[in-house]
Amino acid sequence: MIFLFILLSTFIVSAISLIGILTIFVKENFLQRIIFCLIGFSAGSLIGGAFLHILPEVLEKNQGIGVFYNFIFGIILFFSMERYFYWRHCHDGVCNVHAFTYLNLIGDGLHNFIDGLVIASSFMLSIKLGIVTTIAVILHEIPQELGDFGVLIYGGFTKKKALFYNFISALTAMAGAVLGYFLSDIIPHLSNFVLPLTAGGFVYIATSDLIPELHKERDQKRSALASVAFVAGIAFMAFFRIIFKE
């Protein structure tokens, strides 16, 4: 029964990635206006998620310097992957799809994988804790998945392709949940490595790719809205840090 609860909860969390389907009913010119704000919100959410949620969670369990080595390794890893995707998909400086879209999918996949581990671990302790944790993850995923969808569209994906790949990336939560259920004894050691690595990836994406994209906007009104969205993304993560702090 607990295993079924875990699978159902993580599938619901994964399905949140399809929230971008709502944009199908939105006019294209309006979508283009809000995407820039979604980029700002996503950048703020990534930074807030890394520094206000992921790293504090790891540091509560592991005070060693190794956490920061893994964090730096995450930045190096994502930098290396971006170089690869750039060389693979860009020719003569022309990119039909920006490399940061693939980084975003990988980073989000790792993050969803950890969400699955966390949900499984929570249900293993109690069903009540598992439900509360699932609700917290869902509330966190809604704005993040909207931001991720905006990143993919802005990076050159079509709506259908963005929905498909975002959903595939989200399904890693179920893989993490299954692993968490069967290998619960070693999950703390695994998460101590993967969590800071994911945080490093999130910070790299936000600071190296998304924020520079915001600087390219010359229209003062759109630039101001994007800046507000960026701060709102950080504030949103701070709010949930306070609400769901154990």
C-alpha atoms as a PDB file:
ATOM      1  CA  MET A   1       0.000   0.000   0.000  1.00  0.00           C
ATOM      2  CA  ILE A   2       2.801   2.421   0.860  1.00  0.00           C
ATOM      3  CA  PHE A   3       4.494   1.668  -2.458  1.00  0.00           C
ATOM      4  CA  LEU A   4       1.238   2.508  -4.295  1.00  0.00           C
ATOM      5  CA  PHE A   5       0.969   5.778  -2.369  1.00  0.00           C
ATOM      6  CA  ILE A   6       4.542   6.615  -3.392  1.00  0.00           C
ATOM      7  CA  LEU A   7       3.921   5.853  -7.070  1.00  0.00           C
ATOM      8  CA  LEU A   8       0.640   7.794  -7.169  1.00  0.00           C
ATOM      9  CA  SER A   9       2.141  10.815  -5.410  1.00  0.00           C
ATOM     10  CA  THR A  10       5.186  11.004  -7.663  1.00  0.00           C
ATOM     11  CA  PHE A  11       3.042  10.564 -10.796  1.00  0.00           C
ATOM     12  CA  ILE A  12       0.881  13.509  -9.714  1.00  0.00           C
ATOM     13  CA  VAL A  13       4.042  15.548  -9.139  1.00  0.00           C
ATOM     14  CA  SER A  14       5.334  14.539 -12.584  1.00  0.00           C
ATOM     15  CA  ALA A  15       2.029  15.502 -14.210  1.00  0.00           C
ATOM     16  CA  ILE A  16       2.476  19.058 -12.910  1.00  0.00           C
ATOM     17  CA  SER A  17       5.048  19.479 -15.688  1.00  0.00           C
ATOM     18  CA  LEU A  18       2.144  19.491 -18.166  1.00  0.00           C
ATOM     19  CA  ILE A  19       0.840  22.761 -16.717  1.00  0.00           C
ATOM     20  CA  GLY A  20       2.404  24.436 -19.734  1.00  0.00           C
ATOM     21  CA  ILE A  21      -0.495  23.023 -21.771  1.00  0.00           C
ATOM     22  CA  LEU A  22      -2.511  25.998 -20.520  1.00  0.00           C
ATOM     23  CA  THR A  23      -0.459  28.208 -22.819  1.00  0.00           C
ATOM     24  CA  ILE A  24      -2.099  26.516 -25.824  1.00  0.00           C
ATOM     25  CA  PHE A  25      -5.178  28.592 -25.029  1.00  0.00           C
ATOM     26  CA  VAL A  26      -3.126  31.794 -24.817  1.00  0.00           C
ATOM     27  CA  LYS A  27      -2.526  34.032 -27.818  1.00  0.00           C
ATOM     28  CA  GLU A  28       1.019  33.906 -29.189  1.00  0.00           C
ATOM     29  CA  ASN A  29       1.760  37.625 -28.737  1.00  0.00           C
ATOM     30  CA  PHE A  30       0.623  37.474 -25.100  1.00  0.00           C
ATOM     31  CA  LEU A  31       2.717  34.345 -24.544  1.00  0.00           C
ATOM     32  CA  GLN A  32       5.811  36.095 -25.857  1.00  0.00           C
ATOM     33  CA  ARG A  33       5.227  38.933 -23.391  1.00  0.00           C
ATOM     34  CA  ILE A  34       4.906  36.706 -20.353  1.00  0.00           C
ATOM     35  CA  ILE A  35       7.733  34.327 -21.278  1.00  0.00           C
ATOM     36  CA  PHE A  36      10.317  36.971 -20.446  1.00  0.00           C
ATOM     37  CA  CYS A  37       8.806  37.301 -16.976  1.00  0.00           C
ATOM     38  CA  LEU A  38       8.842  33.516 -16.644  1.00  0.00           C
ATOM     39  CA  ILE A  39      12.566  33.572 -17.452  1.00  0.00           C
ATOM     40  CA  GLY A  40      13.125  36.050 -14.627  1.00  0.00           C
ATOM     41  CA  PHE A  41      10.936  34.062 -12.242  1.00  0.00           C
ATOM     42  CA  SER A  42      12.714  30.835 -13.157  1.00  0.00           C
ATOM     43  CA  ALA A  43      16.149  32.396 -12.592  1.00  0.00           C
ATOM     44  CA  GLY A  44      15.071  33.616  -9.168  1.00  0.00           C
ATOM     45  CA  SER A  45      13.488  30.264  -8.336  1.00  0.00           C
ATOM     46  CA  LEU A  46      16.646  28.371  -9.293  1.00  0.00           C
ATOM     47  CA  ILE A  47      18.842  30.589  -7.113  1.00  0.00           C
ATOM     48  CA  GLY A  48      16.350  30.544  -4.248  1.00  0.00           C
ATOM     49  CA  GLY A  49      15.914  26.790  -4.526  1.00  0.00           C
ATOM     50  CA  ALA A  50      19.660  26.196  -4.474  1.00  0.00           C
ATOM     51  CA  PHE A  51      20.559  28.488  -1.563  1.00  0.00           C
ATOM     52  CA  LEU A  52      17.382  28.396   0.520  1.00  0.00           C
ATOM     53  CA  HIS A  53      16.306  24.771   0.133  1.00  0.00           C
ATOM     54  CA  ILE A  54      18.843  22.357  -1.331  1.00  0.00           C
ATOM     55  CA  LEU A  55      22.094  23.472   0.323  1.00  0.00           C
ATOM     56  CA  PRO A  56      20.566  24.109   3.790  1.00  0.00           C
ATOM     57  CA  GLU A  57      18.962  20.650   3.677  1.00  0.00           C
ATOM     58  CA  VAL A  58      22.299  18.996   2.924  1.00  0.00           C
ATOM     59  CA  LEU A  59      24.218  21.090   5.453  1.00  0.00           C
ATOM     60  CA  GLU A  60      21.792  20.105   8.210  1.00  0.00           C
ATOM     61  CA  LYS A  61      22.885  16.490   7.724  1.00  0.00           C
ATOM     62  CA  ASN A  62      26.473  16.952   6.590  1.00  0.00           C
ATOM     63  CA  GLN A  63      28.653  19.795   7.842  1.00  0.00           C
ATOM     64  CA  GLY A  64      31.732  18.739   5.859  1.00  0.00           C
ATOM     65  CA  ILE A  65      33.501  20.796   3.215  1.00  0.00           C
ATOM     66  CA  GLY A  66      32.602  18.039   0.753  1.00  0.00           C
ATOM     67  CA  VAL A  67      29.171  19.662   0.272  1.00  0.00           C
ATOM     68  CA  PHE A  68      30.821  22.702  -1.318  1.00  0.00           C
ATOM     69  CA  TYR A  69      33.173  20.573  -3.399  1.00  0.00           C
ATOM     70  CA  ASN A  70      30.119  18.805  -4.822  1.00  0.00           C
ATOM     71  CA  PHE A  71      28.434  22.185  -5.351  1.00  0.00           C
ATOM     72  CA  ILE A  72      31.451  23.459  -7.323  1.00  0.00           C
ATOM     73  CA  PHE A  73      31.642  20.173  -9.206  1.00  0.00           C
ATOM     74  CA  GLY A  74      28.024  20.720 -10.233  1.00  0.00           C
ATOM     75  CA  ILE A  75      28.941  24.114 -11.721  1.00  0.00           C
ATOM     76  CA  ILE A  76      31.906  22.602 -13.586  1.00  0.00           C
ATOM     77  CA  LEU A  77      29.797  19.684 -14.806  1.00  0.00           C
ATOM     78  CA  PHE A  78      27.046  21.910 -16.167  1.00  0.00           C
ATOM     79  CA  PHE A  79      29.605  24.243 -17.750  1.00  0.00           C
ATOM     80  CA  SER A  80      31.173  21.250 -19.511  1.00  0.00           C
ATOM     81  CA  MET A  81      27.802  19.948 -20.657  1.00  0.00           C
ATOM     82  CA  GLU A  82      26.857  23.354 -22.028  1.00  0.00           C
ATOM     83  CA  ARG A  83      30.083  23.457 -24.034  1.00  0.00           C
ATOM     84  CA  TYR A  84      29.234  20.047 -25.467  1.00  0.00           C
ATOM     85  CA  PHE A  85      25.660  21.001 -26.378  1.00  0.00           C
ATOM     86  CA  TYR A  86      26.907  24.251 -27.919  1.00  0.00           C
ATOM     87  CA  TRP A  87      29.444  22.431 -30.093  1.00  0.00           C
ATOM     88  CA  ARG A  88      26.841  19.786 -30.982  1.00  0.00           C
ATOM     89  CA  HIS A  89      23.931  22.049 -31.861  1.00  0.00           C
ATOM     90  CA  CYS A  90      25.445  25.396 -32.853  1.00  0.00           C
ATOM     91  CA  HIS A  91      27.350  26.119 -36.054  1.00  0.00           C
ATOM     92  CA  ASP A  92      29.039  29.409 -36.930  1.00  0.00           C
ATOM     93  CA  GLY A  93      27.503  30.965 -33.831  1.00  0.00           C
ATOM     94  CA  VAL A  94      23.942  30.150 -34.952  1.00  0.00           C
ATOM     95  CA  CYS A  95      21.794  28.072 -32.593  1.00  0.00           C
ATOM     96  CA  ASN A  96      18.310  26.900 -33.523  1.00  0.00           C
ATOM     97  CA  VAL A  97      17.931  25.667 -29.939  1.00  0.00           C
ATOM     98  CA  HIS A  98      19.995  27.280 -27.179  1.00  0.00           C
ATOM     99  CA  ALA A  99      22.227  24.964 -25.161  1.00  0.00           C
ATOM    100  CA  PHE A 100      20.773  26.110 -21.837  1.00  0.00           C
ATOM    101  CA  THR A 101      17.471  24.393 -22.679  1.00  0.00           C
ATOM    102  CA  TYR A 102      19.177  20.997 -22.434  1.00  0.00           C
ATOM    103  CA  LEU A 103      20.932  22.016 -19.221  1.00  0.00           C
ATOM    104  CA  ASN A 104      17.602  23.069 -17.783  1.00  0.00           C
ATOM    105  CA  LEU A 105      16.083  19.681 -18.614  1.00  0.00           C
ATOM    106  CA  ILE A 106      19.023  17.814 -17.051  1.00  0.00           C
ATOM    107  CA  GLY A 107      19.032  19.995 -13.936  1.00  0.00           C
ATOM    108  CA  ASP A 108      15.285  19.691 -13.558  1.00  0.00           C
ATOM    109  CA  GLY A 109      15.549  15.931 -14.084  1.00  0.00           C
ATOM    110  CA  LEU A 110      18.055  15.630 -11.243  1.00  0.00           C
ATOM    111  CA  HIS A 111      15.894  17.848  -9.058  1.00  0.00           C
ATOM    112  CA  ASN A 112      12.774  15.769  -9.783  1.00  0.00           C
ATOM    113  CA  PHE A 113      14.762  12.603  -9.096  1.00  0.00           C
ATOM    114  CA  ILE A 114      15.594  13.978  -5.643  1.00  0.00           C
ATOM    115  CA  ASP A 115      11.938  14.941  -5.127  1.00  0.00           C
ATOM    116  CA  GLY A 116      11.071  11.293  -5.738  1.00  0.00           C
ATOM    117  CA  LEU A 117      13.663  10.193  -3.190  1.00  0.00           C
ATOM    118  CA  VAL A 118      12.299  12.667  -0.649  1.00  0.00           C
ATOM    119  CA  ILE A 119       8.672  11.632  -1.180  1.00  0.00           C
ATOM    120  CA  ALA A 120       9.534   7.947  -0.877  1.00  0.00           C
ATOM    121  CA  SER A 121      11.552   8.538   2.283  1.00  0.00           C
ATOM    122  CA  SER A 122       8.676  10.541   3.789  1.00  0.00           C
ATOM    123  CA  PHE A 123       6.096   7.824   3.120  1.00  0.00           C
ATOM    124  CA  MET A 124       8.453   5.253   4.606  1.00  0.00           C
ATOM    125  CA  LEU A 125       8.254   7.201   7.871  1.00  0.00           C
ATOM    126  CA  SER A 126       4.489   7.801   7.806  1.00  0.00           C
ATOM    127  CA  ILE A 127       1.663   8.235   5.306  1.00  0.00           C
ATOM    128  CA  LYS A 128       0.755  11.603   6.840  1.00  0.00           C
ATOM    129  CA  LEU A 129       4.290  12.923   6.403  1.00  0.00           C
ATOM    130  CA  GLY A 130       4.350  11.576   2.855  1.00  0.00           C
ATOM    131  CA  ILE A 131       1.143  13.424   1.949  1.00  0.00           C
ATOM    132  CA  VAL A 132       2.372  16.678   3.489  1.00  0.00           C
ATOM    133  CA  THR A 133       5.687  16.351   1.652  1.00  0.00           C
ATOM    134  CA  THR A 134       3.898  15.651  -1.633  1.00  0.00           C
ATOM    135  CA  ILE A 135       1.742  18.765  -1.234  1.00  0.00           C
ATOM    136  CA  ALA A 136       4.840  20.843  -0.511  1.00  0.00           C
ATOM    137  CA  VAL A 137       6.572  19.482  -3.617  1.00  0.00           C
ATOM    138  CA  ILE A 138       3.491  20.169  -5.784  1.00  0.00           C
ATOM    139  CA  LEU A 139       3.248  23.784  -4.579  1.00  0.00           C
ATOM    140  CA  HIS A 140       6.930  24.190  -5.352  1.00  0.00           C
ATOM    141  CA  GLU A 141       6.688  22.508  -8.757  1.00  0.00           C
ATOM    142  CA  ILE A 142       3.826  24.613 -10.196  1.00  0.00           C
ATOM    143  CA  PRO A 143       5.775  27.884 -10.574  1.00  0.00           C
ATOM    144  CA  GLN A 144       9.013  26.062 -11.354  1.00  0.00           C
ATOM    145  CA  GLU A 145       7.450  24.032 -14.170  1.00  0.00           C
ATOM    146  CA  LEU A 146       5.879  27.175 -15.617  1.00  0.00           C
ATOM    147  CA  GLY A 147       9.311  28.767 -15.527  1.00  0.00           C
ATOM    148  CA  ASP A 148      10.928  25.696 -17.073  1.00  0.00           C
ATOM    149  CA  PHE A 149       8.343  25.680 -19.852  1.00  0.00           C
ATOM    150  CA  GLY A 150       9.086  29.339 -20.509  1.00  0.00           C
ATOM    151  CA  VAL A 151      12.821  28.602 -20.656  1.00  0.00           C
ATOM    152  CA  LEU A 152      12.303  25.858 -23.257  1.00  0.00           C
ATOM    153  CA  ILE A 153      10.037  28.035 -25.411  1.00  0.00           C
ATOM    154  CA  TYR A 154      12.436  30.960 -25.164  1.00  0.00           C
ATOM    155  CA  GLY A 155      15.328  28.637 -26.034  1.00  0.00           C
ATOM    156  CA  GLY A 156      13.736  27.542 -29.305  1.00  0.00           C
ATOM    157  CA  PHE A 157      11.477  24.574 -28.510  1.00  0.00           C
ATOM    158  CA  THR A 158       7.959  24.352 -29.928  1.00  0.00           C
ATOM    159  CA  LYS A 159       5.119  24.150 -27.397  1.00  0.00           C
ATOM    160  CA  LYS A 160       4.530  20.437 -28.053  1.00  0.00           C
ATOM    161  CA  LYS A 161       8.228  19.597 -27.841  1.00  0.00           C
ATOM    162  CA  ALA A 162       8.601  21.657 -24.650  1.00  0.00           C
ATOM    163  CA  LEU A 163       5.653  19.847 -23.039  1.00  0.00           C
ATOM    164  CA  PHE A 164       6.974  16.434 -24.058  1.00  0.00           C
ATOM    165  CA  TYR A 165      10.548  16.912 -22.864  1.00  0.00           C
ATOM    166  CA  ASN A 166       9.446  18.677 -19.689  1.00  0.00           C
ATOM    167  CA  PHE A 167       7.203  15.704 -18.881  1.00  0.00           C
ATOM    168  CA  ILE A 168       9.979  13.182 -19.596  1.00  0.00           C
ATOM    169  CA  SER A 169      12.277  15.159 -17.306  1.00  0.00           C
ATOM    170  CA  ALA A 170       9.580  15.180 -14.620  1.00  0.00           C
ATOM    171  CA  LEU A 171       9.145  11.391 -14.778  1.00  0.00           C
ATOM    172  CA  THR A 172      12.570  11.014 -13.136  1.00  0.00           C
ATOM    173  CA  ALA A 173      10.671  11.681  -9.908  1.00  0.00           C
ATOM    174  CA  MET A 174       9.111   8.231 -10.241  1.00  0.00           C
ATOM    175  CA  ALA A 175      12.522   6.664 -10.830  1.00  0.00           C
ATOM    176  CA  GLY A 176      13.792   8.398  -7.702  1.00  0.00           C
ATOM    177  CA  ALA A 177      10.765   7.196  -5.742  1.00  0.00           C
ATOM    178  CA  VAL A 178      11.261   3.572  -6.749  1.00  0.00           C
ATOM    179  CA  LEU A 179      14.957   3.771  -5.895  1.00  0.00           C
ATOM    180  CA  GLY A 180      14.111   5.453  -2.610  1.00  0.00           C
ATOM    181  CA  TYR A 181      11.676   2.687  -1.699  1.00  0.00           C
ATOM    182  CA  PHE A 182      14.010  -0.230  -2.393  1.00  0.00           C
ATOM    183  CA  LEU A 183      17.306   1.379  -1.351  1.00  0.00           C
ATOM    184  CA  SER A 184      16.183   3.501   1.589  1.00  0.00           C
ATOM    185  CA  ASP A 185      19.244   2.522   3.658  1.00  0.00           C
ATOM    186  CA  ILE A 186      21.750   4.206   1.333  1.00  0.00           C
ATOM    187  CA  ILE A 187      19.620   7.167   0.154  1.00  0.00           C
ATOM    188  CA  PRO A 188      21.123   9.661   2.664  1.00  0.00           C
ATOM    189  CA  HIS A 189      24.607   9.077   1.206  1.00  0.00           C
ATOM    190  CA  LEU A 190      23.338   9.379  -2.359  1.00  0.00           C
ATOM    191  CA  SER A 191      21.415  12.601  -1.711  1.00  0.00           C
ATOM    192  CA  ASN A 192      24.433  14.164   0.024  1.00  0.00           C
ATOM    193  CA  PHE A 193      26.210  13.959  -3.335  1.00  0.00           C
ATOM    194  CA  VAL A 194      23.374  14.594  -5.802  1.00  0.00           C
ATOM    195  CA  LEU A 195      21.693  17.489  -3.957  1.00  0.00           C
ATOM    196  CA  PRO A 196      24.670  19.916  -3.888  1.00  0.00           C
ATOM    197  CA  LEU A 197      25.577  18.879  -7.434  1.00  0.00           C
ATOM    198  CA  THR A 198      22.048  19.814  -8.501  1.00  0.00           C
ATOM    199  CA  ALA A 199      22.300  23.105  -6.605  1.00  0.00           C
ATOM    200  CA  GLY A 200      25.506  23.934  -8.472  1.00  0.00           C
ATOM    201  CA  GLY A 201      23.763  23.196 -11.757  1.00  0.00           C
ATOM    202  CA  PHE A 202      20.823  25.429 -10.865  1.00  0.00           C
ATOM    203  CA  VAL A 203      23.092  28.334  -9.916  1.00  0.00           C
ATOM    204  CA  TYR A 204      25.084  27.903 -13.133  1.00  0.00           C
ATOM    205  CA  ILE A 205      21.958  27.931 -15.311  1.00  0.00           C
ATOM    206  CA  ALA A 206      20.543  30.992 -13.554  1.00  0.00           C
ATOM    207  CA  THR A 207      23.722  33.088 -13.513  1.00  0.00           C
ATOM    208  CA  SER A 208      25.370  31.994 -16.758  1.00  0.00           C
ATOM    209  CA  ASP A 209      22.364  31.653 -19.057  1.00  0.00           C
ATOM    210  CA  LEU A 210      19.094  33.093 -17.790  1.00  0.00           C
ATOM    211  CA  ILE A 211      20.218  36.342 -16.127  1.00  0.00           C
ATOM    212  CA  PRO A 212      22.380  37.330 -19.146  1.00  0.00           C
ATOM    213  CA  GLU A 213      19.277  36.789 -21.317  1.00  0.00           C
ATOM    214  CA  LEU A 214      17.420  39.282 -19.120  1.00  0.00           C
ATOM    215  CA  HIS A 215      20.190  41.839 -19.645  1.00  0.00           C
ATOM    216  CA  LYS A 216      19.564  41.731 -23.401  1.00  0.00           C
ATOM    217  CA  GLU A 217      16.130  43.345 -23.021  1.00  0.00           C
ATOM    218  CA  ARG A 218      16.234  47.047 -23.917  1.00  0.00           C
ATOM    219  CA  ASP A 219      12.608  47.928 -23.252  1.00  0.00           C
ATOM    220  CA  GLN A 220      12.497  49.510 -19.786  1.00  0.00           C
ATOM    221  CA  LYS A 221       9.007  48.302 -18.941  1.00  0.00           C
ATOM    222  CA  ARG A 222       9.687  44.663 -19.852  1.00  0.00           C
ATOM    223  CA  SER A 223      13.074  44.822 -18.161  1.00  0.00           C
ATOM    224  CA  ALA A 224      11.489  46.150 -14.959  1.00  0.00           C
ATOM    225  CA  LEU A 225       8.816  43.433 -15.015  1.00  0.00           C
ATOM    226  CA  ALA A 226      11.471  40.760 -15.505  1.00  0.00           C
ATOM    227  CA  SER A 227      13.448  42.171 -12.569  1.00  0.00           C
ATOM    228  CA  VAL A 228      10.354  42.063 -10.374  1.00  0.00           C
ATOM    229  CA  ALA A 229       9.704  38.478 -11.513  1.00  0.00           C
ATOM    230  CA  PHE A 230      13.317  37.563 -10.654  1.00  0.00           C
ATOM    231  CA  VAL A 231      12.965  38.890  -7.098  1.00  0.00           C
ATOM    232  CA  ALA A 232       9.533  37.253  -6.859  1.00  0.00           C
ATOM    233  CA  GLY A 233      11.099  33.896  -7.725  1.00  0.00           C
ATOM    234  CA  ILE A 234      13.570  34.224  -4.859  1.00  0.00           C
ATOM    235  CA  ALA A 235      10.853  35.516  -2.510  1.00  0.00           C
ATOM    236  CA  PHE A 236       8.618  32.591  -3.425  1.00  0.00           C
ATOM    237  CA  MET A 237      11.300  30.106  -2.449  1.00  0.00           C
ATOM    238  CA  ALA A 238      11.982  32.048   0.753  1.00  0.00           C
ATOM    239  CA  PHE A 239       8.267  31.957   1.589  1.00  0.00           C
ATOM    240  CA  PHE A 240       8.101  28.186   1.265  1.00  0.00           C
ATOM    241  CA  ARG A 241      11.326  27.859   3.217  1.00  0.00           C
ATOM    242  CA  ILE A 242       9.559  29.586   6.126  1.00  0.00           C
ATOM    243  CA  ILE A 243       6.233  27.762   5.703  1.00  0.00           C
ATOM    244  CA  PHE A 244       7.636  24.249   5.392  1.00  0.00           C
ATOM    245  CA  LYS A 245      10.690  24.576   7.618  1.00  0.00           C
ATOM    246  CA  GLU A 246      10.828  21.614   9.943  1.00  0.00           C
END
